[in-house]
């Protein structure tokens, strides 16, 4: 399987590439009044409206400072509409084997499904399906 590896502030994370549509630079968003704290707003990418998610805030609950910490946006296809995730630097795409992944306990309530060593860093693998389900429950 392929994994796209990126940074969120000082930590390394990854998504499997199967639902990734594209990677873009920062995008201008329109705020959503009374939206979830981790939703930065809506963006218009070539005529397609999608939600911009502050992945750092969603995963860690931390407050994003006023400084611009992210410089890439990963567009993910979903069954309904694409979703845009704010990330820092995209490190790259790497091939990993399933047996290289240290899986999380199923009892653990987290959006991280496991860990893998890539690019000389421990990378937390984010379960996109869980994030998208959580997004739907809040919407």
N, C-alpha and C. Protein backbone atom coordinates (compact mmCIF):
# COMPACT_ATOMS: atom_id res chain seq x y z
N UNK A 1 0.84 -1.17 0.00
CA UNK A 1 0.00 0.00 0.00
C UNK A 1 0.88 1.23 0.00
N UNK A 2 0.34 2.31 -0.54
CA UNK A 2 1.09 3.57 -0.55
C UNK A 2 0.56 4.49 0.53
N UNK A 3 1.47 5.24 1.12
CA UNK A 3 1.15 6.15 2.21
C UNK A 3 1.71 7.52 1.88
N UNK A 4 0.85 8.56 1.96
CA UNK A 4 1.34 9.92 1.80
C UNK A 4 1.67 10.43 3.20
N UNK A 5 2.91 10.88 3.38
CA UNK A 5 3.41 11.30 4.69
C UNK A 5 3.51 12.82 4.71
N UNK A 6 3.02 13.41 5.80
CA UNK A 6 3.04 14.87 5.95
C UNK A 6 3.24 15.23 7.41
N UNK A 7 3.55 16.52 7.63
CA UNK A 7 3.74 17.02 8.99
C UNK A 7 2.55 17.85 9.42
N UNK A 8 2.20 17.73 10.67
CA UNK A 8 1.28 18.64 11.34
C UNK A 8 2.08 19.21 12.50
N UNK A 9 2.51 20.44 12.34
CA UNK A 9 3.43 21.08 13.28
C UNK A 9 4.66 20.19 13.41
N UNK A 10 4.91 19.55 14.56
CA UNK A 10 6.15 18.78 14.73
C UNK A 10 5.97 17.27 14.58
N UNK A 11 4.76 16.81 14.31
CA UNK A 11 4.49 15.38 14.24
C UNK A 11 4.27 14.93 12.80
N UNK A 12 4.60 13.66 12.54
CA UNK A 12 4.45 13.08 11.20
C UNK A 12 3.22 12.18 11.17
N UNK A 13 2.43 12.34 10.12
CA UNK A 13 1.21 11.57 9.94
C UNK A 13 1.16 11.06 8.50
N UNK A 14 0.26 10.10 8.26
CA UNK A 14 0.09 9.60 6.90
C UNK A 14 -1.32 9.12 6.64
N UNK A 15 -1.73 9.21 5.37
CA UNK A 15 -2.98 8.66 4.86
C UNK A 15 -2.61 7.63 3.81
N UNK A 16 -3.43 6.60 3.64
CA UNK A 16 -3.26 5.76 2.46
C UNK A 16 -3.72 6.59 1.26
N UNK A 17 -3.14 6.32 0.11
CA UNK A 17 -3.38 7.18 -1.06
C UNK A 17 -4.63 6.82 -1.86
N UNK A 18 -5.33 5.77 -1.49
CA UNK A 18 -6.43 5.29 -2.34
C UNK A 18 -7.54 6.31 -2.59
N UNK A 19 -7.81 7.21 -1.65
CA UNK A 19 -8.88 8.20 -1.84
C UNK A 19 -8.36 9.62 -2.05
N UNK A 20 -7.05 9.78 -2.20
CA UNK A 20 -6.47 11.11 -2.37
C UNK A 20 -6.67 11.56 -3.82
N UNK A 21 -7.27 12.72 -3.99
CA UNK A 21 -7.48 13.27 -5.33
C UNK A 21 -6.30 14.12 -5.76
N UNK A 22 -5.86 15.03 -4.87
CA UNK A 22 -4.74 15.90 -5.22
C UNK A 22 -4.19 16.59 -3.98
N UNK A 23 -3.04 17.22 -4.17
CA UNK A 23 -2.42 18.04 -3.13
C UNK A 23 -2.28 19.44 -3.71
N UNK A 24 -2.73 20.43 -2.96
CA UNK A 24 -2.64 21.82 -3.41
C UNK A 24 -1.93 22.64 -2.34
N UNK A 25 -1.75 23.91 -2.64
CA UNK A 25 -1.17 24.83 -1.66
C UNK A 25 -2.28 25.32 -0.74
N UNK A 26 -2.00 26.34 0.05
CA UNK A 26 -3.02 26.89 0.95
C UNK A 26 -4.17 27.47 0.13
N UNK A 27 -5.34 27.40 0.67
CA UNK A 27 -6.53 27.87 -0.03
C UNK A 27 -7.29 28.86 0.85
N UNK A 28 -7.91 29.84 0.22
CA UNK A 28 -8.71 30.82 0.96
C UNK A 28 -10.05 30.20 1.32
N UNK A 29 -10.42 30.31 2.59
CA UNK A 29 -11.68 29.73 3.03
C UNK A 29 -12.69 30.81 3.41
N UNK A 30 -13.95 30.43 3.35
CA UNK A 30 -15.05 31.25 3.83
C UNK A 30 -15.54 30.60 5.11
N UNK A 31 -15.54 31.35 6.20
CA UNK A 31 -15.91 30.80 7.51
C UNK A 31 -17.36 30.33 7.53
N UNK A 32 -17.61 29.31 8.37
CA UNK A 32 -18.95 28.79 8.58
C UNK A 32 -19.36 29.17 10.00
N UNK A 33 -20.34 30.03 10.17
CA UNK A 33 -20.78 30.39 11.52
C UNK A 33 -21.29 29.17 12.28
N UNK A 34 -20.90 29.04 13.52
CA UNK A 34 -21.33 27.97 14.42
C UNK A 34 -20.99 26.58 13.90
N UNK A 35 -19.95 26.46 13.08
CA UNK A 35 -19.50 25.15 12.61
C UNK A 35 -18.62 24.50 13.67
N UNK A 36 -18.29 23.23 13.50
CA UNK A 36 -17.39 22.57 14.44
C UNK A 36 -16.05 23.31 14.52
N UNK A 37 -15.41 23.26 15.69
CA UNK A 37 -14.15 24.00 15.90
C UNK A 37 -13.08 23.58 14.91
N UNK A 38 -13.09 22.33 14.48
CA UNK A 38 -12.05 21.83 13.57
C UNK A 38 -12.34 22.13 12.10
N UNK A 39 -13.49 22.74 11.82
CA UNK A 39 -13.82 23.14 10.45
C UNK A 39 -13.40 24.58 10.25
N UNK A 40 -12.46 24.82 9.35
CA UNK A 40 -12.00 26.18 9.07
C UNK A 40 -12.99 26.93 8.21
N UNK A 41 -13.72 26.23 7.37
CA UNK A 41 -14.69 26.88 6.50
C UNK A 41 -14.91 26.10 5.23
N UNK A 42 -15.41 26.79 4.23
CA UNK A 42 -15.64 26.19 2.92
C UNK A 42 -14.66 26.78 1.92
N UNK A 43 -14.24 25.97 0.97
CA UNK A 43 -13.36 26.45 -0.10
C UNK A 43 -14.00 26.15 -1.44
N UNK A 44 -13.57 26.90 -2.43
CA UNK A 44 -14.02 26.69 -3.80
C UNK A 44 -12.79 26.33 -4.62
N UNK A 45 -12.68 25.07 -4.99
CA UNK A 45 -11.55 24.60 -5.79
C UNK A 45 -12.06 24.29 -7.19
N UNK A 46 -11.76 25.19 -8.13
CA UNK A 46 -12.18 25.03 -9.52
C UNK A 46 -13.68 24.76 -9.64
N UNK A 47 -14.47 25.53 -8.89
CA UNK A 47 -15.91 25.43 -8.98
C UNK A 47 -16.55 24.38 -8.10
N UNK A 48 -15.73 23.62 -7.37
CA UNK A 48 -16.28 22.59 -6.48
C UNK A 48 -16.14 23.07 -5.04
N UNK A 49 -17.26 23.13 -4.32
CA UNK A 49 -17.29 23.59 -2.94
C UNK A 49 -17.02 22.39 -2.03
N UNK A 50 -16.12 22.57 -1.05
CA UNK A 50 -15.82 21.51 -0.10
C UNK A 50 -15.44 22.09 1.25
N UNK A 51 -15.53 21.27 2.28
CA UNK A 51 -15.18 21.66 3.64
C UNK A 51 -13.67 21.62 3.80
N UNK A 52 -13.12 22.66 4.46
CA UNK A 52 -11.70 22.70 4.81
C UNK A 52 -11.56 22.34 6.28
N UNK A 53 -10.87 21.22 6.56
CA UNK A 53 -10.74 20.69 7.91
C UNK A 53 -9.35 20.99 8.45
N UNK A 54 -9.30 21.57 9.65
CA UNK A 54 -8.05 21.80 10.38
C UNK A 54 -7.69 20.48 11.05
N UNK A 55 -6.87 19.67 10.38
CA UNK A 55 -6.55 18.33 10.86
C UNK A 55 -5.81 18.36 12.19
N UNK A 56 -4.97 19.36 12.41
CA UNK A 56 -4.26 19.50 13.69
C UNK A 56 -5.27 19.63 14.84
N UNK A 57 -6.24 20.47 14.65
CA UNK A 57 -7.25 20.69 15.70
C UNK A 57 -8.13 19.45 15.87
N UNK A 58 -8.48 18.78 14.79
CA UNK A 58 -9.32 17.59 14.87
C UNK A 58 -8.60 16.46 15.61
N UNK A 59 -7.32 16.26 15.31
CA UNK A 59 -6.58 15.16 15.93
C UNK A 59 -6.14 15.46 17.35
N UNK A 60 -5.66 16.67 17.58
CA UNK A 60 -5.03 16.99 18.86
C UNK A 60 -5.81 17.97 19.71
N UNK A 61 -6.86 18.53 19.16
CA UNK A 61 -7.66 19.48 19.92
C UNK A 61 -6.96 20.79 20.21
N UNK A 62 -5.79 20.99 19.61
CA UNK A 62 -5.03 22.21 19.89
C UNK A 62 -5.60 23.38 19.11
N UNK A 63 -5.44 24.54 19.68
CA UNK A 63 -5.90 25.75 19.03
C UNK A 63 -4.87 26.19 18.02
N UNK A 64 -5.31 26.40 16.81
CA UNK A 64 -4.42 26.89 15.77
C UNK A 64 -4.11 28.34 16.06
N UNK A 65 -2.84 28.66 16.09
CA UNK A 65 -2.46 30.06 16.32
C UNK A 65 -2.74 30.87 15.07
N UNK A 66 -2.63 32.16 15.18
CA UNK A 66 -2.89 33.04 14.05
C UNK A 66 -1.84 32.88 12.95
N UNK A 67 -0.66 32.40 13.31
CA UNK A 67 0.36 32.22 12.28
C UNK A 67 -0.04 31.09 11.34
N UNK A 68 0.34 31.21 10.11
CA UNK A 68 0.00 30.21 9.11
C UNK A 68 0.96 29.03 9.25
N UNK A 69 0.51 27.94 9.84
CA UNK A 69 1.36 26.78 10.08
C UNK A 69 1.26 25.75 8.96
N UNK A 70 0.24 25.85 8.15
CA UNK A 70 0.09 24.84 7.11
C UNK A 70 0.43 25.44 5.74
N UNK A 71 0.94 24.60 4.84
CA UNK A 71 1.25 25.10 3.51
C UNK A 71 0.80 24.16 2.40
N UNK A 72 0.09 23.10 2.75
CA UNK A 72 -0.48 22.21 1.75
C UNK A 72 -1.89 21.82 2.16
N UNK A 73 -2.68 21.47 1.18
CA UNK A 73 -4.03 20.99 1.41
C UNK A 73 -4.18 19.68 0.64
N UNK A 74 -4.62 18.64 1.33
CA UNK A 74 -4.84 17.34 0.69
C UNK A 74 -6.33 17.18 0.45
N UNK A 75 -6.69 16.98 -0.82
CA UNK A 75 -8.09 16.80 -1.20
C UNK A 75 -8.39 15.30 -1.23
N UNK A 76 -9.40 14.90 -0.47
CA UNK A 76 -9.77 13.49 -0.34
C UNK A 76 -11.17 13.29 -0.91
N UNK A 77 -11.32 12.30 -1.78
CA UNK A 77 -12.64 11.96 -2.32
C UNK A 77 -13.43 11.19 -1.28
N UNK A 78 -14.71 11.51 -1.16
CA UNK A 78 -15.61 10.76 -0.31
C UNK A 78 -16.81 10.36 -1.15
N UNK A 79 -17.72 9.61 -0.56
CA UNK A 79 -18.91 9.19 -1.31
C UNK A 79 -19.78 10.38 -1.67
N UNK A 80 -19.83 11.38 -0.79
CA UNK A 80 -20.69 12.54 -1.02
C UNK A 80 -19.95 13.67 -1.72
N UNK A 81 -19.05 14.31 -1.01
CA UNK A 81 -18.30 15.45 -1.53
C UNK A 81 -16.84 15.32 -1.12
N UNK A 82 -15.93 15.89 -1.91
CA UNK A 82 -14.53 15.90 -1.48
C UNK A 82 -14.37 16.73 -0.21
N UNK A 83 -13.34 16.40 0.56
CA UNK A 83 -13.00 17.13 1.78
C UNK A 83 -11.55 17.56 1.65
N UNK A 84 -11.25 18.78 2.11
CA UNK A 84 -9.89 19.32 2.06
C UNK A 84 -9.31 19.32 3.47
N UNK A 85 -8.11 18.74 3.63
CA UNK A 85 -7.44 18.68 4.93
C UNK A 85 -6.22 19.59 4.91
N UNK A 86 -6.14 20.48 5.90
CA UNK A 86 -4.97 21.35 6.05
C UNK A 86 -3.83 20.52 6.64
N UNK A 87 -2.66 20.53 5.99
CA UNK A 87 -1.48 19.85 6.51
C UNK A 87 -0.28 20.77 6.35
N UNK A 88 0.79 20.43 7.04
CA UNK A 88 2.02 21.18 6.87
C UNK A 88 2.75 20.69 5.64
N UNK A 89 4.01 20.49 5.75
CA UNK A 89 4.83 20.03 4.63
C UNK A 89 4.49 18.58 4.27
N UNK A 90 4.26 18.32 2.98
CA UNK A 90 4.11 16.95 2.50
C UNK A 90 5.52 16.40 2.29
N UNK A 91 5.85 15.34 3.03
CA UNK A 91 7.19 14.75 2.98
C UNK A 91 7.35 13.90 1.74
N UNK A 92 6.32 13.12 1.41
CA UNK A 92 6.39 12.28 0.22
C UNK A 92 5.41 11.13 0.27
N UNK A 93 5.50 10.28 -0.74
CA UNK A 93 4.68 9.08 -0.83
C UNK A 93 5.62 7.89 -0.77
N UNK A 94 5.29 6.91 0.06
CA UNK A 94 6.15 5.76 0.23
C UNK A 94 5.32 4.48 0.19
N UNK A 95 5.95 3.40 -0.26
CA UNK A 95 5.31 2.08 -0.24
C UNK A 95 5.60 1.43 1.10
N UNK A 96 4.56 0.89 1.73
CA UNK A 96 4.74 0.16 2.98
C UNK A 96 4.01 -1.17 2.87
N UNK A 97 4.49 -2.13 3.63
CA UNK A 97 3.85 -3.43 3.71
C UNK A 97 2.99 -3.47 4.96
N UNK A 98 1.92 -4.22 4.91
CA UNK A 98 1.00 -4.31 6.04
C UNK A 98 1.72 -4.79 7.30
N UNK A 99 2.69 -5.69 7.15
CA UNK A 99 3.39 -6.21 8.33
C UNK A 99 4.35 -5.20 8.95
N UNK A 100 4.58 -4.06 8.31
CA UNK A 100 5.41 -3.00 8.87
C UNK A 100 4.63 -2.10 9.83
N UNK A 101 3.31 -2.21 9.80
CA UNK A 101 2.46 -1.32 10.59
C UNK A 101 2.26 -1.89 11.99
N UNK A 102 2.50 -1.06 13.00
CA UNK A 102 2.18 -1.40 14.38
C UNK A 102 0.75 -0.92 14.62
N UNK A 103 -0.18 -1.85 14.70
CA UNK A 103 -1.60 -1.49 14.81
C UNK A 103 -1.94 -1.04 16.23
N UNK A 104 -2.93 -0.16 16.33
CA UNK A 104 -3.45 0.29 17.62
C UNK A 104 -4.40 -0.77 18.15
N UNK A 105 -4.58 -0.81 19.47
CA UNK A 105 -5.60 -1.69 20.06
C UNK A 105 -6.97 -1.24 19.58
N UNK A 106 -7.84 -2.18 19.32
CA UNK A 106 -9.19 -1.83 18.87
C UNK A 106 -9.97 -1.09 19.94
N UNK A 107 -9.57 -1.25 21.21
CA UNK A 107 -10.25 -0.58 22.31
C UNK A 107 -9.93 0.90 22.37
N UNK A 108 -8.84 1.31 21.73
CA UNK A 108 -8.39 2.69 21.79
C UNK A 108 -9.30 3.58 20.97
N UNK A 109 -9.78 4.66 21.59
CA UNK A 109 -10.65 5.61 20.91
C UNK A 109 -9.78 6.70 20.29
N UNK A 110 -9.34 6.47 19.07
CA UNK A 110 -8.44 7.42 18.41
C UNK A 110 -8.66 7.39 16.91
N UNK A 111 -8.26 8.45 16.26
CA UNK A 111 -8.34 8.50 14.80
C UNK A 111 -7.09 7.90 14.15
N UNK A 112 -6.11 7.53 14.97
CA UNK A 112 -4.88 6.91 14.48
C UNK A 112 -5.06 5.40 14.52
N UNK A 113 -4.84 4.75 13.37
CA UNK A 113 -5.05 3.30 13.30
C UNK A 113 -3.78 2.52 13.58
N UNK A 114 -2.61 3.16 13.43
CA UNK A 114 -1.35 2.47 13.67
C UNK A 114 -0.17 3.37 13.42
N UNK A 115 1.03 2.77 13.50
CA UNK A 115 2.27 3.52 13.32
C UNK A 115 3.18 2.75 12.38
N UNK A 116 3.99 3.49 11.64
CA UNK A 116 4.98 2.88 10.76
C UNK A 116 6.22 3.78 10.75
N UNK A 117 7.37 3.19 10.55
CA UNK A 117 8.61 3.96 10.47
C UNK A 117 8.88 4.27 9.00
N UNK A 118 8.92 5.56 8.66
CA UNK A 118 9.18 5.99 7.28
C UNK A 118 9.89 7.34 7.32
N UNK A 119 10.74 7.58 6.36
CA UNK A 119 11.49 8.84 6.27
C UNK A 119 12.22 9.15 7.58
N UNK A 120 12.75 8.11 8.21
CA UNK A 120 13.48 8.23 9.48
C UNK A 120 12.65 8.83 10.60
N UNK A 121 11.35 8.67 10.53
CA UNK A 121 10.43 9.19 11.55
C UNK A 121 9.35 8.16 11.84
N UNK A 122 8.80 8.23 13.05
CA UNK A 122 7.64 7.42 13.37
C UNK A 122 6.41 8.16 12.85
N UNK A 123 5.67 7.53 11.95
CA UNK A 123 4.53 8.15 11.28
C UNK A 123 3.24 7.54 11.83
N UNK A 124 2.34 8.40 12.30
CA UNK A 124 1.02 7.96 12.76
C UNK A 124 0.11 7.84 11.54
N UNK A 125 -0.47 6.67 11.35
CA UNK A 125 -1.36 6.46 10.21
C UNK A 125 -2.78 6.84 10.63
N UNK A 126 -3.35 7.79 9.91
CA UNK A 126 -4.68 8.28 10.23
C UNK A 126 -5.71 7.47 9.46
N UNK A 127 -6.74 7.05 10.16
CA UNK A 127 -7.83 6.29 9.56
C UNK A 127 -8.83 7.27 8.96
N UNK A 128 -8.77 7.46 7.64
CA UNK A 128 -9.64 8.43 6.96
C UNK A 128 -11.12 8.10 7.13
N UNK A 129 -11.46 6.82 7.09
CA UNK A 129 -12.87 6.45 7.24
C UNK A 129 -13.43 6.91 8.57
N UNK A 130 -12.65 6.77 9.64
CA UNK A 130 -13.09 7.20 10.96
C UNK A 130 -13.27 8.71 11.00
N UNK A 131 -12.34 9.44 10.39
CA UNK A 131 -12.46 10.90 10.34
C UNK A 131 -13.71 11.31 9.59
N UNK A 132 -13.96 10.68 8.46
CA UNK A 132 -15.11 11.05 7.65
C UNK A 132 -16.42 10.68 8.34
N UNK A 133 -16.45 9.58 9.07
CA UNK A 133 -17.64 9.21 9.83
C UNK A 133 -17.88 10.24 10.93
N UNK A 134 -16.82 10.64 11.63
CA UNK A 134 -16.95 11.65 12.69
C UNK A 134 -17.45 12.96 12.09
N UNK A 135 -16.93 13.31 10.91
CA UNK A 135 -17.36 14.54 10.24
C UNK A 135 -18.86 14.48 9.94
N UNK A 136 -19.33 13.35 9.46
CA UNK A 136 -20.75 13.20 9.13
C UNK A 136 -21.63 13.29 10.38
N UNK A 137 -21.15 12.73 11.51
CA UNK A 137 -21.94 12.76 12.74
C UNK A 137 -22.11 14.18 13.26
N UNK A 138 -21.11 15.03 13.03
CA UNK A 138 -21.16 16.40 13.53
C UNK A 138 -21.92 17.30 12.58
N UNK A 139 -21.88 16.99 11.28
CA UNK A 139 -22.52 17.85 10.27
C UNK A 139 -24.01 17.97 10.48
